[in-house]
Amino acid sequence: MTKRGVFPYKNTKFISNSSEETFAAGETLGRLLEAGDIVALEAPLGAGKTVFSKGIAFALGVKEIITSPTYTIINEYEADKSMFYHIDAYRLSGGDEFCDAGGEDALFGGGIAVVEWSEIICAILPPEAIIIKINIMENGAREILHT
């Protein structure tokens, strides 16, 4: 598991002024992740969750094009050191529906999981999940918080 004190965003906020900066923030986190880590993204629609996830995937060595799993719920990718699970809980009613769809295998199967709309399934996320909040500011910039 990632050593929480090493993650540069712990209790810090960063401002992203572009999708490239949001991607780079995800890439920075991705370089620190280890098999078994879970990243829980909380952000409104259009805030950059998928762009952040793409940065993580890039850092992990995923060679495929990363797409939003809004309709598939879970996309699986081979990364350099483990599987990368990109999860979108937006269309789910909660943790039970996620588990019924086999989501626990993605979360707890030993790979690295990123969960968009994680607040919908927060009841089944472990306490050591890395919580990232992305807020859209009035000027359109993104505030990225590691809580």
Protein backbone atom coordinates (compact mmCIF):
# COMPACT_ATOMS: atom_id res chain seq x y z
CA MET A 1 0.00 0.00 0.00
CA THR A 2 1.12 3.57 -0.62
CA LYS A 3 2.87 5.19 2.28
CA ARG A 4 0.39 7.98 3.06
CA GLY A 5 3.03 10.40 4.32
CA VAL A 6 4.86 10.21 0.99
CA PHE A 7 1.91 11.32 -1.14
CA PRO A 8 2.62 14.98 -1.94
CA TYR A 9 -1.03 16.10 -1.80
CA LYS A 10 -1.73 14.98 1.78
CA ASN A 11 -3.75 17.74 3.42
CA THR A 12 -2.82 20.05 0.56
CA LYS A 13 -4.77 21.71 -2.20
CA PHE A 14 -3.49 22.25 -5.72
CA ILE A 15 -4.98 24.44 -8.39
CA SER A 16 -5.17 23.07 -11.93
CA ASN A 17 -5.72 25.57 -14.73
CA SER A 18 -5.93 23.03 -17.54
CA SER A 19 -6.68 19.42 -18.34
CA GLU A 20 -2.92 18.95 -18.83
CA GLU A 21 -2.29 20.05 -15.24
CA THR A 22 -5.07 17.75 -13.98
CA PHE A 23 -3.52 14.87 -15.95
CA ALA A 24 -0.10 15.70 -14.44
CA ALA A 25 -1.57 15.68 -10.92
CA GLY A 26 -2.96 12.20 -11.57
CA GLU A 27 0.38 11.11 -13.02
CA THR A 28 2.18 12.32 -9.87
CA LEU A 29 -0.11 10.23 -7.68
CA GLY A 30 0.09 7.26 -10.04
CA ARG A 31 3.87 7.08 -9.67
CA LEU A 32 3.42 6.51 -5.92
CA LEU A 33 0.68 3.88 -6.05
CA GLU A 34 1.28 0.23 -5.30
CA ALA A 35 -0.75 -2.91 -5.84
CA GLY A 36 -3.76 -2.94 -3.53
CA ASP A 37 -4.20 0.84 -3.44
CA ILE A 38 -7.64 2.36 -3.95
CA VAL A 39 -8.11 5.97 -5.06
CA ALA A 40 -11.58 7.40 -4.40
CA LEU A 41 -12.46 10.42 -6.53
CA GLU A 42 -15.18 12.82 -5.41
CA ALA A 43 -16.09 15.58 -7.85
CA PRO A 44 -19.04 17.03 -9.75
CA LEU A 45 -19.79 16.23 -13.37
CA GLY A 46 -17.14 17.66 -15.70
CA ALA A 47 -14.57 18.35 -12.97
CA GLY A 48 -11.84 16.19 -14.49
CA LYS A 49 -12.15 12.80 -12.77
CA THR A 50 -11.47 10.87 -15.97
CA VAL A 51 -8.56 13.13 -16.94
CA PHE A 52 -7.05 12.61 -13.46
CA SER A 53 -7.59 8.84 -13.88
CA LYS A 54 -5.85 8.93 -17.26
CA GLY A 55 -2.81 10.51 -15.59
CA ILE A 56 -2.73 7.71 -13.02
CA ALA A 57 -3.03 5.07 -15.76
CA PHE A 58 -0.22 6.68 -17.75
CA ALA A 59 2.09 6.60 -14.72
CA LEU A 60 1.24 2.93 -14.16
CA GLY A 61 2.25 2.05 -17.70
CA VAL A 62 -1.20 1.35 -19.16
CA LYS A 63 -0.78 1.27 -22.95
CA GLU A 64 -4.46 1.26 -23.93
CA ILE A 65 -6.63 4.32 -24.41
CA ILE A 66 -8.46 5.06 -21.16
CA THR A 67 -12.17 5.72 -21.54
CA SER A 68 -14.80 6.56 -18.97
CA PRO A 69 -16.50 3.43 -17.63
CA THR A 70 -19.84 5.22 -17.12
CA TYR A 71 -21.83 2.52 -18.91
CA THR A 72 -19.61 -0.48 -18.23
CA ILE A 73 -19.04 0.41 -14.53
CA ILE A 74 -15.55 -1.19 -14.53
CA ASN A 75 -12.81 -1.06 -17.15
CA GLU A 76 -9.78 -3.32 -16.64
CA TYR A 77 -6.33 -2.55 -18.03
CA GLU A 78 -2.97 -4.26 -17.82
CA ALA A 79 -0.37 -2.02 -16.23
CA ASP A 80 3.36 -2.58 -15.80
CA LYS A 81 3.18 -4.06 -12.28
CA SER A 82 -0.46 -4.92 -11.66
CA MET A 83 -3.96 -4.60 -13.06
CA PHE A 84 -5.53 -1.14 -13.19
CA TYR A 85 -9.26 -0.98 -12.49
CA HIS A 86 -11.08 2.18 -13.55
CA ILE A 87 -14.48 2.23 -11.87
CA ASP A 88 -17.40 4.63 -12.33
CA ALA A 89 -20.13 4.34 -9.69
CA TYR A 90 -22.30 7.14 -11.14
CA ARG A 91 -25.12 4.86 -12.33
CA LEU A 92 -25.18 2.67 -9.21
CA SER A 93 -27.60 2.92 -6.31
CA GLY A 94 -24.95 2.01 -3.73
CA GLY A 95 -22.43 -0.51 -2.50
CA ASP A 96 -24.78 -3.49 -2.67
CA GLU A 97 -25.40 -3.02 -6.39
CA PHE A 98 -21.65 -2.60 -6.95
CA CYS A 99 -20.92 -5.85 -5.10
CA ASP A 100 -23.70 -7.66 -6.98
CA ALA A 101 -21.95 -6.65 -10.22
CA GLY A 102 -18.67 -8.20 -9.03
CA GLY A 103 -17.07 -4.91 -8.08
CA GLU A 104 -15.39 -6.28 -4.98
CA ASP A 105 -13.01 -8.26 -7.19
CA ALA A 106 -11.82 -5.01 -8.77
CA LEU A 107 -11.46 -3.21 -5.44
CA PHE A 108 -9.84 -5.98 -3.45
CA GLY A 109 -8.22 -8.14 -6.13
CA GLY A 110 -4.69 -6.86 -5.57
CA GLY A 111 -4.56 -4.37 -8.45
CA ILE A 112 -4.82 -0.59 -8.32
CA ALA A 113 -8.35 0.78 -8.41
CA VAL A 114 -9.59 4.30 -9.14
CA VAL A 115 -13.24 4.94 -8.32
CA GLU A 116 -15.07 7.88 -9.88
CA TRP A 117 -18.18 8.99 -7.96
CA SER A 118 -16.81 7.08 -4.98
CA GLU A 119 -19.23 8.74 -2.56
CA ILE A 120 -21.96 6.46 -3.98
CA ILE A 121 -20.16 3.33 -2.75
CA CYS A 122 -18.31 4.87 0.20
CA ALA A 123 -19.79 2.32 2.63
CA ILE A 124 -17.68 -0.46 1.09
CA LEU A 125 -14.45 1.49 0.63
CA PRO A 126 -11.72 0.67 3.14
CA PRO A 127 -10.54 3.40 5.53
CA GLU A 128 -7.12 3.44 3.86
CA ALA A 129 -8.57 4.51 0.49
CA ILE A 130 -6.91 7.65 -0.84
CA ILE A 131 -9.63 10.31 -1.08
CA ILE A 132 -9.17 12.95 -3.79
CA LYS A 133 -11.71 15.76 -4.11
CA ILE A 134 -11.83 17.93 -7.22
CA ASN A 135 -13.82 21.15 -7.04
CA ILE A 136 -14.62 23.47 -9.94
CA MET A 137 -13.78 27.03 -8.97
CA GLU A 138 -15.65 30.12 -10.17
CA ASN A 139 -12.91 30.91 -12.71
CA GLY A 140 -13.09 27.38 -14.14
CA ALA A 141 -9.86 26.18 -12.53
CA ARG A 142 -9.89 22.94 -10.54
CA GLU A 143 -9.02 22.68 -6.87
CA ILE A 144 -7.56 19.21 -6.21
CA LEU A 145 -7.55 18.12 -2.58
CA HIS A 146 -6.14 15.04 -0.90
CA THR A 147 -8.11 14.57 2.31
